[in-house]
PDB file of N, CA and C in Angstrom:
ATOM      1  N   MET A   1    -290.828  54.711 138.830  1.00  0.00           N
ATOM      2  CA  MET A   1    -290.820  54.224 137.529  1.00  0.00           C
ATOM      3  C   MET A   1    -291.554  55.230 136.660  1.00  0.00           C
ATOM      4  N   ASN A   2    -291.196  55.284 135.416  1.00  0.00           N
ATOM      5  CA  ASN A   2    -291.736  56.156 134.352  1.00  0.00           C
ATOM      6  C   ASN A   2    -293.058  55.285 133.804  1.00  0.00           C
ATOM      7  N   ILE A   3    -294.138  55.893 133.843  1.00  0.00           N
ATOM      8  CA  ILE A   3    -295.318  55.166 133.385  1.00  0.00           C
ATOM      9  C   ILE A   3    -295.782  55.906 132.030  1.00  0.00           C
ATOM     10  N   ILE A   4    -296.006  55.116 130.961  1.00  0.00           N
ATOM     11  CA  ILE A   4    -296.629  55.353 129.575  1.00  0.00           C
ATOM     12  C   ILE A   4    -297.806  54.478 129.439  1.00  0.00           C
ATOM     13  N   SER A   5    -299.025  55.138 129.299  1.00  0.00           N
ATOM     14  CA  SER A   5    -299.368  56.492 129.263  1.00  0.00           C
ATOM     15  C   SER A   5    -300.459  56.741 130.062  1.00  0.00           C
ATOM     16  N   LYS A   6    -300.291  57.838 130.901  1.00  0.00           N
ATOM     17  CA  LYS A   6    -301.441  58.242 131.893  1.00  0.00           C
ATOM     18  C   LYS A   6    -302.544  58.670 130.943  1.00  0.00           C
ATOM     19  N   LYS A   7    -302.445  59.182 129.861  1.00  0.00           N
ATOM     20  CA  LYS A   7    -303.539  59.380 129.135  1.00  0.00           C
ATOM     21  C   LYS A   7    -304.596  58.180 128.817  1.00  0.00           C
ATOM     22  N   THR A   8    -304.254  57.056 128.916  1.00  0.00           N
ATOM     23  CA  THR A   8    -305.070  56.054 128.870  1.00  0.00           C
ATOM     24  C   THR A   8    -305.892  55.849 130.114  1.00  0.00           C
ATOM     25  N   LEU A   9    -305.127  56.118 131.343  1.00  0.00           N
ATOM     26  CA  LEU A   9    -305.994  56.045 132.436  1.00  0.00           C
ATOM     27  C   LEU A   9    -306.953  57.110 132.668  1.00  0.00           C
ATOM     28  N   VAL A  10    -306.640  58.436 132.161  1.00  0.00           N
ATOM     29  CA  VAL A  10    -307.529  59.604 132.156  1.00  0.00           C
ATOM     30  C   VAL A  10    -308.690  59.232 131.412  1.00  0.00           C
ATOM     31  N   GLN A  11    -308.576  58.942 130.254  1.00  0.00           N
ATOM     32  CA  GLN A  11    -309.478  58.649 129.325  1.00  0.00           C
ATOM     33  C   GLN A  11    -310.709  57.613 129.884  1.00  0.00           C
ATOM     34  N   PHE A  12    -309.963  56.506 130.704  1.00  0.00           N
ATOM     35  CA  PHE A  12    -310.954  55.614 131.249  1.00  0.00           C
ATOM     36  C   PHE A  12    -311.551  56.124 132.460  1.00  0.00           C
ATOM     37  N   TYR A  13    -310.849  56.888 133.331  1.00  0.00           N
ATOM     38  CA  TYR A  13    -311.576  57.473 134.630  1.00  0.00           C
ATOM     39  C   TYR A  13    -312.693  58.493 134.024  1.00  0.00           C
ATOM     40  N   GLU A  14    -312.602  59.232 133.121  1.00  0.00           N
ATOM     41  CA  GLU A  14    -313.450  60.072 132.669  1.00  0.00           C
ATOM     42  C   GLU A  14    -315.060  59.324 132.297  1.00  0.00           C
ATOM     43  N   LYS A  15    -314.766  58.245 131.869  1.00  0.00           N
ATOM     44  CA  LYS A  15    -315.862  57.384 131.552  1.00  0.00           C
ATOM     45  C   LYS A  15    -316.352  56.605 132.742  1.00  0.00           C
ATOM     46  N   HIS A  16    -315.398  56.337 133.802  1.00  0.00           N
ATOM     47  CA  HIS A  16    -315.876  55.500 134.826  1.00  0.00           C
ATOM     48  C   HIS A  16    -315.346  56.337 136.204  1.00  0.00           C
ATOM     49  N   ALA A  17    -316.105  57.058 136.630  1.00  0.00           N
ATOM     50  CA  ALA A  17    -315.580  58.229 137.607  1.00  0.00           C
ATOM     51  C   ALA A  17    -315.074  57.482 138.882  1.00  0.00           C
ATOM     52  N   GLN A  18    -315.751  56.448 139.156  1.00  0.00           N
ATOM     53  CA  GLN A  18    -315.308  55.662 140.428  1.00  0.00           C
ATOM     54  C   GLN A  18    -313.930  54.900 140.460  1.00  0.00           C
ATOM     55  N   ALA A  19    -313.462  54.978 139.215  1.00  0.00           N
ATOM     56  CA  ALA A  19    -312.034  54.523 139.108  1.00  0.00           C
ATOM     57  C   ALA A  19    -310.933  55.539 139.222  1.00  0.00           C
ATOM     58  N   LYS A  20    -311.556  56.907 139.213  1.00  0.00           N
ATOM     59  CA  LYS A  20    -310.383  58.049 139.308  1.00  0.00           C
ATOM     60  C   LYS A  20    -309.395  57.881 140.412  1.00  0.00           C
ATOM     61  N   ILE A  21    -309.997  57.924 141.620  1.00  0.00           N
ATOM     62  CA  ILE A  21    -308.988  58.033 142.809  1.00  0.00           C
ATOM     63  C   ILE A  21    -308.144  56.889 142.876  1.00  0.00           C
ATOM     64  N   PRO A  22    -308.755  55.650 142.740  1.00  0.00           N
ATOM     65  CA  PRO A  22    -307.805  54.477 142.687  1.00  0.00           C
ATOM     66  C   PRO A  22    -306.862  54.356 141.667  1.00  0.00           C
ATOM     67  N   LEU A  23    -307.066  55.005 140.436  1.00  0.00           N
ATOM     68  CA  LEU A  23    -306.211  54.714 139.357  1.00  0.00           C
ATOM     69  C   LEU A  23    -305.151  55.949 139.805  1.00  0.00           C
ATOM     70  N   GLU A  24    -305.521  57.093 140.208  1.00  0.00           N
ATOM     71  CA  GLU A  24    -304.605  58.197 140.570  1.00  0.00           C
ATOM     72  C   GLU A  24    -303.639  57.581 141.759  1.00  0.00           C
ATOM     73  N   VAL A  25    -304.298  57.104 142.697  1.00  0.00           N
ATOM     74  CA  VAL A  25    -303.342  56.559 143.808  1.00  0.00           C
ATOM     75  C   VAL A  25    -302.344  55.401 143.037  1.00  0.00           C
ATOM     76  N   TRP A  26    -302.713  54.589 142.391  1.00  0.00           N
ATOM     77  CA  TRP A  26    -301.870  53.560 141.680  1.00  0.00           C
ATOM     78  C   TRP A  26    -300.814  54.341 140.967  1.00  0.00           C
ATOM     79  N   HIS A  27    -301.206  55.279 140.206  1.00  0.00           N
ATOM     80  CA  HIS A  27    -300.253  55.964 139.360  1.00  0.00           C
ATOM     81  C   HIS A  27    -299.070  56.771 140.260  1.00  0.00           C
ATOM     82  N   ALA A  28    -299.522  57.162 141.268  1.00  0.00           N
ATOM     83  CA  ALA A  28    -298.598  57.998 142.054  1.00  0.00           C
ATOM     84  C   ALA A  28    -297.674  57.021 142.878  1.00  0.00           C
ATOM     85  N   ASP A  29    -298.401  55.924 143.370  1.00  0.00           N
ATOM     86  CA  ASP A  29    -297.444  54.872 143.899  1.00  0.00           C
ATOM     87  C   ASP A  29    -296.362  54.434 142.989  1.00  0.00           C
ATOM     88  N   VAL A  30    -296.761  54.170 141.830  1.00  0.00           N
ATOM     89  CA  VAL A  30    -295.796  53.573 140.812  1.00  0.00           C
ATOM     90  C   VAL A  30    -294.727  54.409 140.590  1.00  0.00           C
ATOM     91  N   ARG A  31    -295.142  55.664 140.301  1.00  0.00           N
ATOM     92  CA  ARG A  31    -294.010  56.775 139.861  1.00  0.00           C
ATOM     93  C   ARG A  31    -293.117  56.641 140.930  1.00  0.00           C
ATOM     94  N   LYS A  32    -293.348  56.444 142.302  1.00  0.00           N
ATOM     95  CA  LYS A  32    -292.454  56.546 143.366  1.00  0.00           C
ATOM     96  C   LYS A  32    -291.572  55.213 143.358  1.00  0.00           C
ATOM     97  N   ALA A  33    -291.985  54.222 142.885  1.00  0.00           N
ATOM     98  CA  ALA A  33    -291.492  52.817 142.866  1.00  0.00           C
ATOM     99  C   ALA A  33    -290.391  52.750 142.104  1.00  0.00           C
ATOM    100  N   GLN A  34    -289.341  51.761 142.476  1.00  0.00           N
ATOM    101  CA  GLN A  34    -288.269  51.633 141.832  1.00  0.00           C
ATOM    102  C   GLN A  34    -287.972  49.969 141.691  1.00  0.00           C
ATOM    103  N   TRP A  35    -288.980  49.317 141.191  1.00  0.00           N
ATOM    104  CA  TRP A  35    -289.261  47.941 140.991  1.00  0.00           C
ATOM    105  C   TRP A  35    -287.992  47.348 140.166  1.00  0.00           C
ATOM    106  N   GLU A  36    -287.529  46.288 140.751  1.00  0.00           N
ATOM    107  CA  GLU A  36    -286.320  45.679 139.920  1.00  0.00           C
ATOM    108  C   GLU A  36    -286.648  44.155 139.454  1.00  0.00           C
ATOM    109  N   ASN A  37    -288.005  43.613 140.138  1.00  0.00           N
ATOM    110  CA  ASN A  37    -288.286  42.248 139.823  1.00  0.00           C
ATOM    111  C   ASN A  37    -289.731  42.177 140.330  1.00  0.00           C
ATOM    112  N   SER A  38    -290.394  41.087 140.071  1.00  0.00           N
ATOM    113  CA  SER A  38    -291.660  40.940 140.456  1.00  0.00           C
ATOM    114  C   SER A  38    -291.861  40.600 141.851  1.00  0.00           C
ATOM    115  N   GLU A  39    -290.976  40.132 142.562  1.00  0.00           N
ATOM    116  CA  GLU A  39    -291.077  39.884 144.196  1.00  0.00           C
ATOM    117  C   GLU A  39    -291.339  41.374 144.798  1.00  0.00           C
ATOM    118  N   GLN A  40    -290.620  42.378 144.238  1.00  0.00           N
ATOM    119  CA  GLN A  40    -290.966  43.738 144.864  1.00  0.00           C
ATOM    120  C   GLN A  40    -292.383  44.256 144.361  1.00  0.00           C
ATOM    121  N   ILE A  41    -292.713  44.100 143.255  1.00  0.00           N
ATOM    122  CA  ILE A  41    -294.166  44.239 143.089  1.00  0.00           C
ATOM    123  C   ILE A  41    -295.220  43.703 144.024  1.00  0.00           C
ATOM    124  N   LYS A  42    -294.924  42.353 144.178  1.00  0.00           N
ATOM    125  CA  LYS A  42    -295.755  41.491 145.042  1.00  0.00           C
ATOM    126  C   LYS A  42    -295.938  41.987 146.425  1.00  0.00           C
ATOM    127  N   ARG A  43    -294.745  42.448 146.817  1.00  0.00           N
ATOM    128  CA  ARG A  43    -294.713  43.088 148.218  1.00  0.00           C
ATOM    129  C   ARG A  43    -295.488  44.327 148.419  1.00  0.00           C
ATOM    130  N   ASP A  44    -295.523  45.076 147.222  1.00  0.00           N
ATOM    131  CA  ASP A  44    -296.534  46.257 147.165  1.00  0.00           C
ATOM    132  C   ASP A  44    -298.022  46.118 146.869  1.00  0.00           C
ATOM    133  N   TYR A  45    -298.058  45.157 145.967  1.00  0.00           N
ATOM    134  CA  TYR A  45    -299.371  44.751 145.432  1.00  0.00           C
ATOM    135  C   TYR A  45    -299.711  43.202 145.620  1.00  0.00           C
ATOM    136  N   ALA A  46    -300.070  42.827 146.686  1.00  0.00           N
ATOM    137  CA  ALA A  46    -300.197  41.394 146.855  1.00  0.00           C
ATOM    138  C   ALA A  46    -301.189  40.789 145.895  1.00  0.00           C
ATOM    139  N   SER A  47    -301.953  41.409 145.630  1.00  0.00           N
ATOM    140  CA  SER A  47    -303.310  40.932 144.576  1.00  0.00           C
ATOM    141  C   SER A  47    -302.590  41.092 143.071  1.00  0.00           C
ATOM    142  N   ALA A  48    -301.590  41.376 142.865  1.00  0.00           N
ATOM    143  CA  ALA A  48    -300.975  41.525 141.390  1.00  0.00           C
ATOM    144  C   ALA A  48    -300.742  40.009 140.720  1.00  0.00           C
ATOM    145  N   SER A  49    -301.093  39.924 139.550  1.00  0.00           N
ATOM    146  CA  SER A  49    -300.971  38.414 138.987  1.00  0.00           C
ATOM    147  C   SER A  49    -299.791  38.808 137.834  1.00  0.00           C
ATOM    148  N   PHE A  50    -298.849  37.897 137.480  1.00  0.00           N
ATOM    149  CA  PHE A  50    -297.945  38.078 136.794  1.00  0.00           C
ATOM    150  C   PHE A  50    -297.960  37.071 135.602  1.00  0.00           C
ATOM    151  N   LEU A  51    -297.844  37.635 134.284  1.00  0.00           N
ATOM    152  CA  LEU A  51    -297.990  36.729 133.062  1.00  0.00           C
ATOM    153  C   LEU A  51    -296.685  36.827 132.570  1.00  0.00           C
ATOM    154  N   ARG A  52    -296.826  36.191 131.213  1.00  0.00           N
ATOM    155  CA  ARG A  52    -295.436  36.181 130.486  1.00  0.00           C
ATOM    156  C   ARG A  52    -294.903  37.435 130.175  1.00  0.00           C
ATOM    157  N   ASP A  53    -293.627  37.509 129.750  1.00  0.00           N
ATOM    158  CA  ASP A  53    -293.155  38.856 129.000  1.00  0.00           C
ATOM    159  C   ASP A  53    -293.461  39.998 129.975  1.00  0.00           C
ATOM    160  N   ASN A  54    -293.194  39.864 131.176  1.00  0.00           N
ATOM    161  CA  ASN A  54    -293.035  41.068 132.394  1.00  0.00           C
ATOM    162  C   ASN A  54    -294.532  41.797 132.187  1.00  0.00           C
ATOM    163  N   ARG A  55    -295.415  41.134 131.931  1.00  0.00           N
ATOM    164  CA  ARG A  55    -296.803  41.643 132.200  1.00  0.00           C
ATOM    165  C   ARG A  55    -297.403  41.373 133.509  1.00  0.00           C
ATOM    166  N   VAL A  56    -298.027  42.433 134.125  1.00  0.00           N
ATOM    167  CA  VAL A  56    -298.519  42.411 135.340  1.00  0.00           C
ATOM    168  C   VAL A  56    -300.051  42.984 135.273  1.00  0.00           C
ATOM    169  N   VAL A  57    -300.756  42.138 135.911  1.00  0.00           N
ATOM    170  CA  VAL A  57    -302.466  42.507 136.193  1.00  0.00           C
ATOM    171  C   VAL A  57    -302.579  43.035 137.468  1.00  0.00           C
ATOM    172  N   PHE A  58    -303.075  44.312 137.580  1.00  0.00           N
ATOM    173  CA  PHE A  58    -303.429  44.935 138.846  1.00  0.00           C
ATOM    174  C   PHE A  58    -304.977  45.006 138.941  1.00  0.00           C
ATOM    175  N   ASN A  59    -305.507  44.613 140.152  1.00  0.00           N
ATOM    176  CA  ASN A  59    -306.919  44.923 140.531  1.00  0.00           C
ATOM    177  C   ASN A  59    -306.968  46.312 140.975  1.00  0.00           C
ATOM    178  N   ILE A  60    -307.980  47.101 140.478  1.00  0.00           N
ATOM    179  CA  ILE A  60    -308.168  48.417 140.793  1.00  0.00           C
ATOM    180  C   ILE A  60    -309.466  48.411 141.523  1.00  0.00           C
ATOM    181  N   LYS A  61    -309.523  49.232 142.569  1.00  0.00           N
ATOM    182  CA  LYS A  61    -310.826  49.369 143.367  1.00  0.00           C
ATOM    183  C   LYS A  61    -311.247  47.944 143.706  1.00  0.00           C
ATOM    184  N   GLY A  62    -310.734  47.160 144.607  1.00  0.00           N
ATOM    185  CA  GLY A  62    -310.921  46.019 144.742  1.00  0.00           C
ATOM    186  C   GLY A  62    -310.780  45.141 143.529  1.00  0.00           C
ATOM    187  N   ASN A  63    -311.886  44.505 142.862  1.00  0.00           N
ATOM    188  CA  ASN A  63    -311.647  43.777 141.730  1.00  0.00           C
ATOM    189  C   ASN A  63    -312.697  44.527 140.770  1.00  0.00           C
ATOM    190  N   ASP A  64    -312.982  45.516 140.964  1.00  0.00           N
ATOM    191  CA  ASP A  64    -313.893  46.326 139.966  1.00  0.00           C
ATOM    192  C   ASP A  64    -313.342  46.643 138.375  1.00  0.00           C
ATOM    193  N   PHE A  65    -311.960  46.790 138.636  1.00  0.00           N
ATOM    194  CA  PHE A  65    -311.273  47.068 137.397  1.00  0.00           C
ATOM    195  C   PHE A  65    -310.036  46.445 137.407  1.00  0.00           C
ATOM    196  N   ARG A  66    -309.633  46.305 136.138  1.00  0.00           N
ATOM    197  CA  ARG A  66    -308.288  45.425 135.971  1.00  0.00           C
ATOM    198  C   ARG A  66    -307.277  46.465 134.958  1.00  0.00           C
ATOM    199  N   LEU A  67    -306.269  46.389 135.367  1.00  0.00           N
ATOM    200  CA  LEU A  67    -305.140  47.313 134.676  1.00  0.00           C
ATOM    201  C   LEU A  67    -303.968  46.306 134.317  1.00  0.00           C
ATOM    202  N   ILE A  68    -303.648  46.206 133.030  1.00  0.00           N
ATOM    203  CA  ILE A  68    -302.516  45.268 132.780  1.00  0.00           C
ATOM    204  C   ILE A  68    -301.404  46.270 132.130  1.00  0.00           C
ATOM    205  N   VAL A  69    -300.017  46.062 132.778  1.00  0.00           N
ATOM    206  CA  VAL A  69    -299.240  46.864 132.308  1.00  0.00           C
ATOM    207  C   VAL A  69    -297.999  45.959 131.793  1.00  0.00           C
ATOM    208  N   HIS A  70    -296.958  46.557 130.995  1.00  0.00           N
ATOM    209  CA  HIS A  70    -295.771  45.838 130.655  1.00  0.00           C
ATOM    210  C   HIS A  70    -294.713  46.377 131.273  1.00  0.00           C
ATOM    211  N   ILE A  71    -293.697  45.737 132.022  1.00  0.00           N
ATOM    212  CA  ILE A  71    -292.804  46.495 132.868  1.00  0.00           C
ATOM    213  C   ILE A  71    -291.352  46.283 132.323  1.00  0.00           C
ATOM    214  N   ASP A  72    -290.569  47.166 131.879  1.00  0.00           N
ATOM    215  CA  ASP A  72    -289.014  46.949 131.521  1.00  0.00           C
ATOM    216  C   ASP A  72    -288.488  47.360 132.816  1.00  0.00           C
ATOM    217  N   TYR A  73    -288.121  46.438 133.604  1.00  0.00           N
ATOM    218  CA  TYR A  73    -287.317  46.613 134.758  1.00  0.00           C
ATOM    219  C   TYR A  73    -286.112  47.341 134.700  1.00  0.00           C
ATOM    220  N   LYS A  74    -285.426  47.073 133.539  1.00  0.00           N
ATOM    221  CA  LYS A  74    -283.887  47.767 133.563  1.00  0.00           C
ATOM    222  C   LYS A  74    -284.138  49.134 133.281  1.00  0.00           C
ATOM    223  N   ARG A  75    -284.934  49.514 132.328  1.00  0.00           N
ATOM    224  CA  ARG A  75    -285.247  50.948 131.872  1.00  0.00           C
ATOM    225  C   ARG A  75    -286.146  51.694 132.926  1.00  0.00           C
ATOM    226  N   LYS A  76    -286.828  50.969 133.860  1.00  0.00           N
ATOM    227  CA  LYS A  76    -287.735  51.545 134.934  1.00  0.00           C
ATOM    228  C   LYS A  76    -288.901  52.154 134.261  1.00  0.00           C
ATOM    229  N   ILE A  77    -289.422  51.301 133.090  1.00  0.00           N
ATOM    230  CA  ILE A  77    -290.665  51.841 132.418  1.00  0.00           C
ATOM    231  C   ILE A  77    -291.812  50.985 132.675  1.00  0.00           C
ATOM    232  N   VAL A  78    -292.997  51.360 132.909  1.00  0.00           N
ATOM    233  CA  VAL A  78    -294.393  50.841 132.975  1.00  0.00           C
ATOM    234  C   VAL A  78    -295.152  51.190 131.905  1.00  0.00           C
ATOM    235  N   ARG A  79    -295.648  50.492 131.089  1.00  0.00           N
ATOM    236  CA  ARG A  79    -296.350  50.822 129.810  1.00  0.00           C
ATOM    237  C   ARG A  79    -297.785  50.296 130.125  1.00  0.00           C
ATOM    238  N   VAL A  80    -298.672  51.068 130.069  1.00  0.00           N
ATOM    239  CA  VAL A  80    -300.103  50.586 130.168  1.00  0.00           C
ATOM    240  C   VAL A  80    -300.505  49.998 129.030  1.00  0.00           C
ATOM    241  N   LYS A  81    -301.070  48.643 129.195  1.00  0.00           N
ATOM    242  CA  LYS A  81    -301.594  48.041 127.975  1.00  0.00           C
ATOM    243  C   LYS A  81    -303.083  47.982 127.866  1.00  0.00           C
ATOM    244  N   PHE A  82    -303.715  48.117 128.993  1.00  0.00           N
ATOM    245  CA  PHE A  82    -305.025  47.719 129.118  1.00  0.00           C
ATOM    246  C   PHE A  82    -305.618  48.452 130.402  1.00  0.00           C
ATOM    247  N   VAL A  83    -306.739  49.045 130.276  1.00  0.00           N
ATOM    248  CA  VAL A  83    -307.467  49.199 131.621  1.00  0.00           C
ATOM    249  C   VAL A  83    -309.001  49.181 131.262  1.00  0.00           C
ATOM    250  N   GLY A  84    -309.751  48.427 132.201  1.00  0.00           N
ATOM    251  CA  GLY A  84    -311.168  48.161 131.883  1.00  0.00           C
ATOM    252  C   GLY A  84    -311.935  47.604 133.120  1.00  0.00           C
ATOM    253  N   THR A  85    -313.118  47.328 132.813  1.00  0.00           N
ATOM    254  CA  THR A  85    -313.888  46.671 133.835  1.00  0.00           C
ATOM    255  C   THR A  85    -313.607  45.246 134.015  1.00  0.00           C
ATOM    256  N   HIS A  86    -313.889  44.616 135.030  1.00  0.00           N
ATOM    257  CA  HIS A  86    -313.645  43.178 135.159  1.00  0.00           C
ATOM    258  C   HIS A  86    -314.372  42.401 133.842  1.00  0.00           C
ATOM    259  N   SER A  87    -315.588  42.864 133.590  1.00  0.00           N
ATOM    260  CA  SER A  87    -316.205  42.280 132.567  1.00  0.00           C
ATOM    261  C   SER A  87    -315.573  42.343 131.106  1.00  0.00           C
ATOM    262  N   GLU A  88    -314.956  43.605 130.928  1.00  0.00           N
ATOM    263  CA  GLU A  88    -314.315  43.828 129.855  1.00  0.00           C
ATOM    264  C   GLU A  88    -312.827  43.022 129.635  1.00  0.00           C
ATOM    265  N   TYR A  89    -312.271  42.855 130.876  1.00  0.00           N
ATOM    266  CA  TYR A  89    -311.066  42.240 131.048  1.00  0.00           C
ATOM    267  C   TYR A  89    -311.415  40.838 130.792  1.00  0.00           C
ATOM    268  N   SER A  90    -312.409  40.144 131.075  1.00  0.00           N
ATOM    269  CA  SER A  90    -312.953  38.745 130.843  1.00  0.00           C
ATOM    270  C   SER A  90    -313.014  38.348 129.404  1.00  0.00           C
ATOM    271  N   LYS A  91    -313.028  39.521 128.668  1.00  0.00           N
ATOM    272  CA  LYS A  91    -313.339  39.360 127.109  1.00  0.00           C
ATOM    273  C   LYS A  91    -311.922  39.284 126.180  1.00  0.00           C
ATOM    274  N   ILE A  92    -310.835  39.633 127.046  1.00  0.00           N
ATOM    275  CA  ILE A  92    -309.542  39.833 126.345  1.00  0.00           C
ATOM    276  C   ILE A  92    -308.527  38.877 126.626  1.00  0.00           C
ATOM    277  N   ASN A  93    -307.369  38.710 125.867  1.00  0.00           N
ATOM    278  CA  ASN A  93    -306.519  37.886 126.250  1.00  0.00           C
ATOM    279  C   ASN A  93    -305.252  38.827 126.677  1.00  0.00           C
ATOM    280  N   ALA A  94    -305.092  38.678 128.110  1.00  0.00           N
ATOM    281  CA  ALA A  94    -304.433  39.543 128.689  1.00  0.00           C
ATOM    282  C   ALA A  94    -302.729  39.425 128.255  1.00  0.00           C
ATOM    283  N   GLU A  95    -302.484  38.427 127.801  1.00  0.00           N
ATOM    284  CA  GLU A  95    -301.033  38.199 127.278  1.00  0.00           C
ATOM    285  C   GLU A  95    -300.777  38.803 125.974  1.00  0.00           C
ATOM    286  N   GLU A  96    -301.983  39.191 125.179  1.00  0.00           N
ATOM    287  CA  GLU A  96    -301.603  39.696 123.906  1.00  0.00           C
ATOM    288  C   GLU A  96    -302.072  40.868 123.459  1.00  0.00           C
ATOM    289  N   ILE A  97    -302.879  41.501 124.694  1.00  0.00           N
ATOM    290  CA  ILE A  97    -303.478  42.774 124.257  1.00  0.00           C
ATOM    291  C   ILE A  97    -302.217  43.779 124.322  1.00  0.00           C
TER     292      ILE A  97
END
């Protein structure tokens, strides 16, 4: 999958060092993936949550951080919409961010 934008992940883990390795692992794994549907994501990430409009919420470093992406399965694009602490996540609308 092609991921847009790694810059968002880097900016986040520069402020939250404990997120660096888990986000880099997620990034490397997703770049290798060729997901065609949510079932394939669930196979790889059992704790992933699925929202409307092909949005997916990933738990990073257990449940310390949350990552929201939009996936265009046809074009193989994963667009980062939000990365934050669990506390920050609880203050947003994951379906609209």
